[in-house]
Amino acid sequence: MTVNAANGLVNLSDVDNDVDTLTITADGAVAFTDVDGVTVAGINATDDDVILNAGGDITQSGALSGVNRLTVASEGAIDLDESGVSNQITVLGPVSAATGIAIADNDGDLSIDGDVAALAGDIEIRADDGNLTLADTRTITAVGAGNIILAAGLDHNFTNADSTPESAALVLDGGRFIIYSDNNSDTTEGGLSGSAYMGRTYAANDPTWAATNDAGGNRFYYNDTATLTFTAVDKVKSYGDGNPALTYVVTGLLAGDSEADAFSGNPTLNTAAGATSNVGDYAITINGTGLTNDKGYVFAFVDGTLTVDPKSITVTAADKNKVYGGADPGLTYSADVALVAGDSFDGALSRAAGEDVGDYIIGQNTLLVNDGNGGSNYDITFVDGTFSITPAALTVTAANDSKTYDGLAYSGGNGVSYSGFVGGEDSTVLGGTLSYSGSSQGLLTPVFIRSCPKG
């Protein structure tokens, strides 16, 4: 059947048509209903809407051209994806079929702006030369084991414009969905969750290929590649300690992917630092040795830094004392933690100058750790000590004296002697005035006189 309405629309939907092949040219909308199956040999609607209804299969041998919006209902299958035929459809929907749907737009973008459903079989919708968009609130439903295949053209992307992703836009019973899109960054999943594989196109990895080689769950197939970046985590340790466990983090996983299914194995991490490495920063290198993946990810690696901090140590000077005039005892110290094997203390403590009785600070002076790095591997907290000089004992002895009784009271003394001066000192270093006391003072009766000096 051929209909030419170059100056108007075509409406053949109100009667029970029964044709095998349909060709329509119109300057407006086209509506056609057939009691059983029909083959479209060509429909040109001059940028207007086309509605097709059939009691059987709807197939094609010629193109759908100038179709603004295509609405299709079939009690059989819909196959508007004939090889060698170039369809021109802007908007699709609603579409319903009993046993599978295949529709391809071969000229520009395609928007699915009506609900699509098949009671059995797969649903496949493609925009071979444009972007493919599933409009907001629209659903595609495949009953039973049917799969949903949605494909944007090469260098074009898929968009799920669903504003309520909590309600699935793709409804499946026992099947899965496969979505083909050019690149992950420009694809809008809209709440759809599936594993992502890179470097796959509809031309090279069509649904037949996928059924044999990737018979898993829901899939996003991207033409481009995505990069997984493995970054070594920066670490810090103290000088002398063993290296901490070297770890990494992964960024760049696509929606629906996890580390467990995006790659196998672990990257290799290394550092030149060891337990006795000097204070400073050391690179943590990371590389892909031991990593594999079959999802097409490209691996990138970012090195980290292991920082060796000084070892904290508290050195405490021991308190010391001596008697005035004596020799200084050796100055000693203790540390709260042991030095790293092979290191040792070097240098000496010192005390504040002075020999008079009193307290003097014992300080660090030149004491440091000989660690082969100028002592920089240690952060020393020094606790001063106290050096005490106590008085020396000085014995003053009054000399015996005697006198002939003369009736006068005795007073004064006969001088003194000293015992205990140190460092070559003598009585000239003493201050004050020597005086005497005791029972001899004021005595009249002849007796042996012993005086006691006071000073």
Protein backbone atom coordinates (compact mmCIF):
# COMPACT_ATOMS: atom_id res chain seq x y z
CA MET A 1 0.00 0.00 0.00
CA THR A 2 1.30 3.41 -1.00
CA VAL A 3 -0.17 6.69 0.19
CA ASN A 4 0.98 10.08 -1.06
CA ALA A 5 -0.43 13.09 0.78
CA ALA A 6 2.18 15.64 -0.12
CA ASN A 7 -0.07 18.48 0.96
CA GLY A 8 -1.63 17.07 4.14
CA LEU A 9 -1.68 14.46 6.91
CA VAL A 10 -2.55 10.76 6.73
CA ASN A 11 -4.95 9.14 9.23
CA LEU A 12 -5.67 5.48 8.57
CA SER A 13 -6.18 4.45 12.17
CA ASP A 14 -9.98 4.26 12.40
CA VAL A 15 -10.45 1.19 10.20
CA ASP A 16 -9.15 -2.37 10.23
CA ASN A 17 -6.51 -2.12 7.54
CA ASP A 18 -4.85 -5.30 6.42
CA VAL A 19 -1.80 -4.57 4.34
CA ASP A 20 1.54 -6.26 4.07
CA THR A 21 3.74 -3.34 3.01
CA LEU A 22 3.22 0.33 3.82
CA THR A 23 4.66 3.40 2.12
CA ILE A 24 3.42 6.85 3.14
CA THR A 25 4.51 10.35 2.13
CA ALA A 26 2.77 13.18 3.98
CA ASP A 27 3.10 16.85 4.76
CA GLY A 28 1.91 16.31 8.31
CA ALA A 29 1.15 13.68 10.90
CA VAL A 30 0.72 10.01 10.03
CA ALA A 31 -1.51 7.54 11.87
CA PHE A 32 -1.94 3.93 10.70
CA THR A 33 -3.50 0.80 12.18
CA ASP A 34 -3.23 -2.72 10.80
CA VAL A 35 -5.10 -5.80 11.97
CA ASP A 36 -2.00 -7.97 11.84
CA GLY A 37 1.63 -7.49 10.92
CA VAL A 38 2.94 -4.82 8.58
CA THR A 39 6.28 -3.95 6.97
CA VAL A 40 7.13 -0.28 6.66
CA ALA A 41 8.65 0.31 3.24
CA GLY A 42 9.01 4.01 3.97
CA ILE A 43 7.28 6.78 5.88
CA ASN A 44 8.06 10.49 5.49
CA ALA A 45 6.09 12.73 7.85
CA THR A 46 7.92 16.01 7.07
CA ASP A 47 8.87 16.70 10.70
CA ASP A 48 5.57 15.62 12.21
CA ASP A 49 4.32 12.77 14.37
CA VAL A 50 3.86 9.13 13.35
CA ILE A 51 1.58 6.66 15.15
CA LEU A 52 1.71 2.96 14.19
CA ASN A 53 -0.53 0.21 15.61
CA ALA A 54 -0.55 -3.40 14.52
CA GLY A 55 -2.07 -6.69 15.59
CA GLY A 56 1.17 -8.47 14.66
CA ASP A 57 4.82 -7.71 14.03
CA ILE A 58 5.93 -4.30 12.80
CA THR A 59 9.06 -4.49 10.64
CA GLN A 60 10.66 -2.30 8.05
CA SER A 61 12.37 -2.41 4.69
CA GLY A 62 12.55 1.35 4.19
CA ALA A 63 13.30 4.39 6.30
CA LEU A 64 11.22 6.42 8.70
CA SER A 65 12.04 9.99 7.67
CA GLY A 66 11.13 13.36 9.10
CA VAL A 67 9.54 11.80 12.18
CA ASN A 68 9.18 14.28 15.03
CA ARG A 69 7.59 11.82 17.45
CA LEU A 70 7.15 8.10 16.90
CA THR A 71 4.48 6.19 18.83
CA VAL A 72 4.23 2.45 18.25
CA ALA A 73 2.04 -0.35 19.63
CA SER A 74 2.25 -3.97 18.52
CA GLU A 75 0.71 -7.24 19.64
CA GLY A 76 3.78 -8.92 18.22
CA ALA A 77 7.35 -7.62 17.95
CA ILE A 78 8.61 -4.22 16.83
CA ASP A 79 11.72 -4.25 14.63
CA LEU A 80 12.53 -0.82 13.24
CA ASP A 81 16.25 -1.48 13.12
CA GLU A 82 16.85 -2.76 9.61
CA SER A 83 20.44 -2.95 8.43
CA GLY A 84 21.13 -0.46 5.67
CA VAL A 85 18.08 1.65 6.52
CA SER A 86 18.58 5.11 7.98
CA ASN A 87 15.74 6.26 10.24
CA GLN A 88 15.23 9.87 11.25
CA ILE A 89 13.37 10.08 14.56
CA THR A 90 13.56 12.92 17.09
CA VAL A 91 11.32 11.71 19.92
CA LEU A 92 10.20 8.21 20.79
CA GLY A 93 7.24 7.07 22.84
CA PRO A 94 5.10 5.61 24.06
CA VAL A 95 6.09 2.18 22.67
CA SER A 96 4.63 -1.21 23.59
CA ALA A 97 5.03 -4.71 22.19
CA ALA A 98 4.27 -8.29 23.10
CA THR A 99 7.53 -9.91 22.05
CA GLY A 100 10.46 -7.49 21.88
CA ILE A 101 11.35 -4.02 20.64
CA ALA A 102 14.22 -2.85 18.42
CA ILE A 103 14.26 0.78 17.23
CA ALA A 104 17.21 2.71 15.82
CA ASP A 105 17.51 6.40 15.01
CA ASN A 106 20.31 7.04 12.56
CA ASP A 107 20.25 10.82 12.28
CA GLY A 108 20.93 12.99 15.32
CA ASP A 109 19.81 12.87 18.92
CA LEU A 110 16.93 10.74 20.16
CA SER A 111 14.81 11.42 23.24
CA ILE A 112 12.69 8.67 24.82
CA ASP A 113 9.75 10.72 26.07
CA GLY A 114 7.16 8.03 26.61
CA ASP A 115 6.98 4.79 28.55
CA VAL A 116 8.35 1.75 26.74
CA ALA A 117 7.33 -1.82 27.59
CA ALA A 118 7.67 -5.34 26.22
CA LEU A 119 5.86 -8.32 27.68
CA ALA A 120 8.61 -10.65 26.48
CA GLY A 121 11.95 -10.39 24.71
CA ASP A 122 14.59 -7.68 24.72
CA ILE A 123 14.15 -3.94 24.31
CA GLU A 124 16.85 -2.23 22.25
CA ILE A 125 16.82 1.49 21.45
CA ARG A 126 19.74 3.24 19.75
CA ALA A 127 20.69 6.71 18.58
CA ASP A 128 23.43 5.67 16.18
CA ASP A 129 24.55 9.19 15.34
CA GLY A 130 23.58 11.21 18.39
CA ASN A 131 22.93 11.43 22.11
CA LEU A 132 20.29 9.23 23.70
CA THR A 133 18.13 10.70 26.48
CA LEU A 134 15.59 9.01 28.72
CA ALA A 135 13.23 11.81 29.72
CA ASP A 136 12.19 12.55 33.28
CA THR A 137 9.53 10.23 34.80
CA ARG A 138 9.67 7.85 31.81
CA THR A 139 10.21 4.15 32.37
CA ILE A 140 11.33 1.24 30.22
CA THR A 141 9.99 -2.14 31.33
CA ALA A 142 11.21 -5.56 30.17
CA VAL A 143 9.15 -8.45 31.50
CA GLY A 144 10.52 -11.91 32.21
CA ALA A 145 14.09 -12.55 31.05
CA GLY A 146 14.11 -9.59 28.68
CA ASN A 147 17.10 -7.25 28.65
CA ILE A 148 17.16 -3.49 28.05
CA ILE A 149 19.79 -2.21 25.61
CA LEU A 150 20.25 1.56 25.27
CA ALA A 151 22.99 2.92 23.00
CA ALA A 152 24.15 6.43 22.19
CA GLY A 153 26.20 6.92 19.05
CA LEU A 154 29.97 6.89 18.90
CA ASP A 155 31.30 10.13 20.45
CA HIS A 156 27.85 10.73 21.96
CA ASN A 157 26.44 10.06 25.41
CA PHE A 158 23.49 8.69 27.33
CA THR A 159 21.48 10.78 29.78
CA ASN A 160 18.95 9.51 32.29
CA ALA A 161 17.05 12.68 33.17
CA ASP A 162 15.08 10.98 35.94
CA SER A 163 14.62 13.48 38.79
CA THR A 164 13.46 10.75 41.18
CA PRO A 165 16.24 8.12 40.98
CA GLU A 166 14.79 6.30 43.96
CA SER A 167 12.14 4.96 41.55
CA ALA A 168 13.95 2.92 38.89
CA ALA A 169 13.68 4.25 35.35
CA LEU A 170 14.56 0.81 33.98
CA VAL A 171 12.30 -1.96 35.26
CA LEU A 172 13.59 -5.53 34.86
CA ASP A 173 12.41 -8.94 36.02
CA GLY A 174 15.13 -11.46 35.27
CA GLY A 175 17.12 -9.56 32.66
CA ARG A 176 19.73 -6.83 32.83
CA PHE A 177 20.50 -3.52 31.17
CA ILE A 178 23.48 -2.56 29.03
CA ILE A 179 23.99 1.12 28.29
CA TYR A 180 26.48 2.27 25.64
CA SER A 181 27.89 5.78 26.02
CA ASP A 182 30.99 7.59 24.84
CA ASN A 183 32.56 8.69 28.11
CA ASN A 184 31.82 8.35 31.78
CA SER A 185 32.25 12.02 32.67
CA ASP A 186 29.50 13.18 30.28
CA THR A 187 27.12 10.31 31.00
CA THR A 188 24.25 10.85 33.44
CA GLU A 189 23.25 7.63 35.18
CA GLY A 190 20.35 9.23 37.08
CA GLY A 191 20.37 6.61 39.83
CA LEU A 192 21.01 3.62 37.58
CA SER A 193 23.60 1.29 39.04
CA GLY A 194 25.81 -0.99 36.98
CA SER A 195 29.43 -2.00 36.55
CA ALA A 196 31.44 0.16 34.18
CA TYR A 197 33.71 -1.18 31.44
CA MET A 198 35.92 1.03 29.31
CA GLY A 199 37.04 0.74 25.73
CA ARG A 200 33.80 -0.93 24.60
CA THR A 201 31.52 0.19 21.79
CA TYR A 202 28.30 -1.10 20.33
CA ALA A 203 30.07 -1.90 17.06
CA ALA A 204 32.72 -4.07 18.70
CA ASN A 205 30.86 -5.27 21.78
CA ASP A 206 27.19 -5.56 20.83
CA PRO A 207 24.61 -7.41 22.93
CA THR A 208 25.39 -10.72 21.20
CA TRP A 209 29.06 -10.34 22.14
CA ALA A 210 28.10 -9.34 25.68
CA ALA A 211 25.87 -12.38 26.12
CA THR A 212 28.83 -14.64 25.39
CA ASN A 213 31.75 -12.69 26.86
CA ASP A 214 30.26 -10.65 29.69
CA ALA A 215 27.21 -12.49 30.97
CA GLY A 216 27.05 -10.62 34.25
CA GLY A 217 24.83 -7.96 35.75
CA ASN A 218 23.94 -4.44 34.68
CA ARG A 219 26.58 -2.73 32.57
CA PHE A 220 27.74 0.66 31.39
CA TYR A 221 29.97 0.32 28.34
CA TYR A 222 32.11 3.40 27.62
CA ASN A 223 34.05 4.08 24.48
CA ASP A 224 36.72 6.08 26.29
CA THR A 225 38.80 5.11 29.29
CA ALA A 226 38.64 6.07 32.96
CA THR A 227 41.66 6.48 35.18
CA LEU A 228 42.08 4.85 38.56
CA THR A 229 44.62 6.79 40.59
CA PHE A 230 46.54 4.90 43.26
CA THR A 231 48.03 7.34 45.77
CA ALA A 232 50.55 6.28 48.38
CA VAL A 233 49.48 7.57 51.79
CA ASP A 234 52.01 9.83 53.51
CA LYS A 235 53.49 8.31 56.66
CA VAL A 236 55.44 9.57 59.69
CA LYS A 237 57.76 7.72 62.05
CA SER A 238 60.43 8.50 64.60
CA TYR A 239 64.13 7.86 64.07
CA GLY A 240 64.98 4.34 65.16
CA ASP A 241 61.46 2.96 64.75
CA GLY A 242 60.56 0.37 62.15
CA ASN A 243 58.74 1.55 59.06
CA PRO A 244 54.95 1.79 59.38
CA ALA A 245 52.79 -0.26 57.03
CA LEU A 246 52.74 1.39 53.61
CA THR A 247 49.20 1.91 52.33
CA TYR A 248 47.38 3.52 49.42
CA VAL A 249 44.02 4.99 48.49
CA VAL A 250 42.17 4.65 45.18
CA THR A 251 40.21 7.40 43.45
CA GLY A 252 38.40 7.46 40.12
CA LEU A 253 36.02 4.54 40.52
CA LEU A 254 32.98 4.93 38.33
CA ALA A 255 29.44 4.73 39.69
CA GLY A 256 28.53 1.16 40.53
CA ASP A 257 32.14 -0.02 40.73
CA SER A 258 34.09 -1.04 43.81
CA GLU A 259 37.75 -1.79 44.29
CA ALA A 260 36.92 -5.49 44.50
CA ASP A 261 35.56 -5.64 40.96
CA ALA A 262 37.56 -2.81 39.36
CA PHE A 263 40.99 -4.43 39.73
CA SER A 264 42.78 -7.44 41.11
CA GLY A 265 45.91 -7.53 43.21
CA ASN A 266 47.66 -4.66 44.93
CA PRO A 267 50.18 -2.08 43.77
CA THR A 268 53.77 -2.36 44.94
CA LEU A 269 54.94 0.19 47.54
CA ASN A 270 58.55 0.81 48.46
CA THR A 271 60.69 3.32 50.35
CA ALA A 272 64.42 3.70 50.82
CA ALA A 273 63.95 4.59 54.48
CA GLY A 274 64.72 2.10 57.23
CA ALA A 275 64.84 1.98 61.02
CA THR A 276 68.15 3.83 61.22
CA SER A 277 67.60 6.30 58.37
CA ASN A 278 68.44 9.87 59.30
CA VAL A 279 65.77 12.46 59.95
CA GLY A 280 64.24 13.76 56.70
CA ASP A 281 61.72 12.99 53.95
CA TYR A 282 61.87 9.81 51.88
CA ALA A 283 59.78 8.97 48.83
CA ILE A 284 57.20 6.21 49.02
CA THR A 285 57.09 4.89 45.47
CA ILE A 286 54.09 3.08 44.10
CA ASN A 287 53.74 1.15 40.85
CA GLY A 288 51.36 -1.23 39.17
CA THR A 289 53.36 -4.41 39.58
CA GLY A 290 50.82 -6.94 40.77
CA LEU A 291 47.76 -5.09 39.44
CA THR A 292 45.39 -6.37 36.77
CA ASN A 293 41.96 -5.35 35.52
CA ASP A 294 39.56 -6.40 32.79
CA LYS A 295 37.29 -3.36 32.89
CA GLY A 296 39.46 -1.08 30.78
CA TYR A 297 40.64 1.27 33.51
CA VAL A 298 43.92 3.09 33.01
CA PHE A 299 46.12 3.12 36.11
CA ALA A 300 47.93 6.21 37.41
CA PHE A 301 50.20 6.38 40.42
CA VAL A 302 51.10 9.16 42.85
CA ASP A 303 54.07 8.70 45.17
CA GLY A 304 53.86 9.56 48.85
CA THR A 305 56.34 10.72 51.50
CA LEU A 306 57.68 8.97 54.58
CA THR A 307 58.84 11.58 57.08
CA VAL A 308 61.39 10.53 59.71
CA ASP A 309 61.08 12.77 62.76
CA PRO A 310 63.73 13.13 65.49
CA LYS A 311 63.53 10.64 68.32
CA SER A 312 62.42 12.37 71.51
CA ILE A 313 64.64 11.80 74.51
CA THR A 314 64.78 13.43 77.95
CA VAL A 315 68.22 13.74 79.54
CA THR A 316 68.28 14.61 83.24
CA ALA A 317 71.42 15.84 84.99
CA ALA A 318 72.01 14.16 88.37
CA ASP A 319 72.20 16.52 91.35
CA LYS A 320 75.71 16.78 92.85
CA ASN A 321 77.31 18.35 95.89
CA LYS A 322 80.67 18.92 97.49
CA VAL A 323 82.14 20.51 100.57
CA TYR A 324 83.61 23.98 100.13
CA GLY A 325 87.17 23.70 98.94
CA GLY A 326 86.82 20.13 97.75
CA ALA A 327 87.19 18.82 94.22
CA ASP A 328 84.13 18.72 91.99
CA PRO A 329 82.65 15.25 91.59
CA GLY A 330 82.02 13.97 88.07
CA LEU A 331 78.83 15.23 86.49
CA THR A 332 76.48 12.48 85.37
CA TYR A 333 73.10 12.18 83.67
CA SER A 334 70.42 9.65 82.77
CA ALA A 335 68.15 9.25 79.71
CA ASP A 336 64.53 8.14 79.73
CA VAL A 337 64.89 5.99 76.59
CA ALA A 338 67.71 3.98 75.11
CA LEU A 339 69.64 5.31 72.16
CA VAL A 340 69.36 3.61 68.79
CA ALA A 341 71.93 0.85 68.40
CA GLY A 342 75.25 2.28 67.27
CA ASP A 343 74.59 5.77 68.66
CA SER A 344 76.24 7.14 71.79
CA PHE A 345 76.37 10.26 73.91
CA ASP A 346 79.24 12.60 73.29
CA GLY A 347 80.40 15.79 75.01
CA ALA A 348 80.03 16.75 78.65
CA LEU A 349 77.86 18.61 81.11
CA SER A 350 79.04 21.67 82.93
CA ARG A 351 77.99 23.66 85.96
CA ALA A 352 77.77 27.34 86.52
CA ALA A 353 81.08 28.87 87.69
CA GLY A 354 81.64 29.54 91.37
CA GLU A 355 83.25 28.04 94.47
CA ASP A 356 81.42 29.81 97.22
CA VAL A 357 78.85 27.99 99.24
CA GLY A 358 75.53 27.86 97.38
CA ASP A 359 73.62 26.17 94.54
CA TYR A 360 74.74 26.19 90.91
CA ILE A 361 72.94 24.98 87.77
CA ILE A 362 74.24 21.90 86.01
CA GLY A 363 73.61 22.48 82.27
CA GLN A 364 73.82 20.50 79.03
CA ASN A 365 76.93 22.24 77.75
CA THR A 366 78.31 20.18 74.83
CA LEU A 367 76.41 16.98 75.52
CA LEU A 368 74.73 15.57 72.41
CA VAL A 369 74.20 12.24 70.68
CA ASN A 370 76.79 10.98 68.26
CA ASP A 371 74.40 9.63 65.59
CA GLY A 372 76.34 10.27 62.39
CA ASN A 373 74.01 13.18 61.62
CA GLY A 374 75.32 15.88 63.90
CA GLY A 375 72.86 14.93 66.62
CA SER A 376 69.88 15.94 64.45
CA ASN A 377 68.27 12.54 64.77
CA TYR A 378 67.35 13.31 68.38
CA ASP A 379 65.17 15.94 69.94
CA ILE A 380 66.75 16.29 73.38
CA THR A 381 64.85 17.77 76.28
CA PHE A 382 67.41 18.55 78.95
CA VAL A 383 66.51 18.81 82.63
CA ASP A 384 69.05 20.86 84.59
CA GLY A 385 70.54 19.52 87.78
CA THR A 386 71.71 21.33 90.94
CA PHE A 387 75.29 21.48 92.14
CA SER A 388 75.42 22.34 95.84
CA ILE A 389 78.54 23.56 97.71
CA THR A 390 78.24 23.14 101.48
CA PRO A 391 80.41 24.89 104.10
CA ALA A 392 83.68 23.27 105.18
CA ALA A 393 84.10 22.60 108.95
CA LEU A 394 86.57 25.05 110.71
CA THR A 395 87.74 24.31 114.27
CA VAL A 396 88.91 27.28 116.41
CA THR A 397 90.76 26.29 119.62
CA ALA A 398 91.54 28.79 122.43
CA ALA A 399 95.10 28.51 123.88
CA ASN A 400 95.54 27.74 127.61
CA ASP A 401 96.59 30.60 129.84
CA SER A 402 97.73 31.27 133.48
CA LYS A 403 98.43 34.27 135.71
CA THR A 404 99.81 35.08 139.20
CA TYR A 405 97.17 36.12 141.59
CA ASP A 406 97.08 39.86 141.72
CA GLY A 407 93.65 40.51 143.04
CA LEU A 408 92.40 41.56 139.61
CA ALA A 409 89.65 39.73 137.73
CA TYR A 410 90.81 37.74 134.70
CA SER A 411 89.62 38.77 131.22
CA GLY A 412 90.54 38.08 127.56
CA GLY A 413 92.50 35.09 126.41
CA ASN A 414 95.78 33.77 125.16
CA GLY A 415 94.97 33.55 121.45
CA VAL A 416 93.52 30.75 119.34
CA SER A 417 94.58 28.17 116.80
CA TYR A 418 92.65 27.11 113.63
CA SER A 419 92.11 23.73 112.01
CA GLY A 420 90.22 23.17 108.76
CA PHE A 421 91.21 25.97 106.39
CA VAL A 422 91.26 24.75 102.77
CA GLY A 423 92.74 25.96 99.55
CA GLY A 424 95.59 27.82 101.20
CA GLU A 425 93.26 30.13 103.09
CA ASP A 426 93.95 31.34 106.64
CA SER A 427 92.38 33.52 109.30
CA THR A 428 92.68 36.54 107.09
CA VAL A 429 89.59 35.39 105.21
CA LEU A 430 87.56 35.52 108.42
CA GLY A 431 85.53 38.54 109.25
CA GLY A 432 84.33 39.96 112.58
CA THR A 433 86.12 40.30 115.95
CA LEU A 434 87.51 37.51 118.14
CA SER A 435 86.19 37.57 121.71
CA TYR A 436 86.41 35.19 124.66
CA SER A 437 83.89 33.77 127.03
CA GLY A 438 83.72 31.02 129.60
CA SER A 439 84.06 30.65 133.39
CA SER A 440 87.57 32.16 133.40
CA GLN A 441 86.26 35.58 132.61
CA GLY A 442 86.14 37.72 135.82
CA LEU A 443 87.82 35.05 137.95
CA LEU A 444 89.78 36.18 141.11
CA THR A 445 90.69 32.87 142.75
CA PRO A 446 93.93 31.31 141.53
CA VAL A 447 93.04 28.49 139.23
CA PHE A 448 94.11 27.06 135.92
CA ILE A 449 92.54 29.26 133.27
CA ARG A 450 90.89 27.99 130.12
CA SER A 451 89.14 30.48 127.93
CA CYS A 452 86.63 29.92 125.17
CA PRO A 453 86.94 32.08 122.09
CA LYS A 454 83.97 33.78 120.56
CA GLY A 455 83.99 35.09 117.07
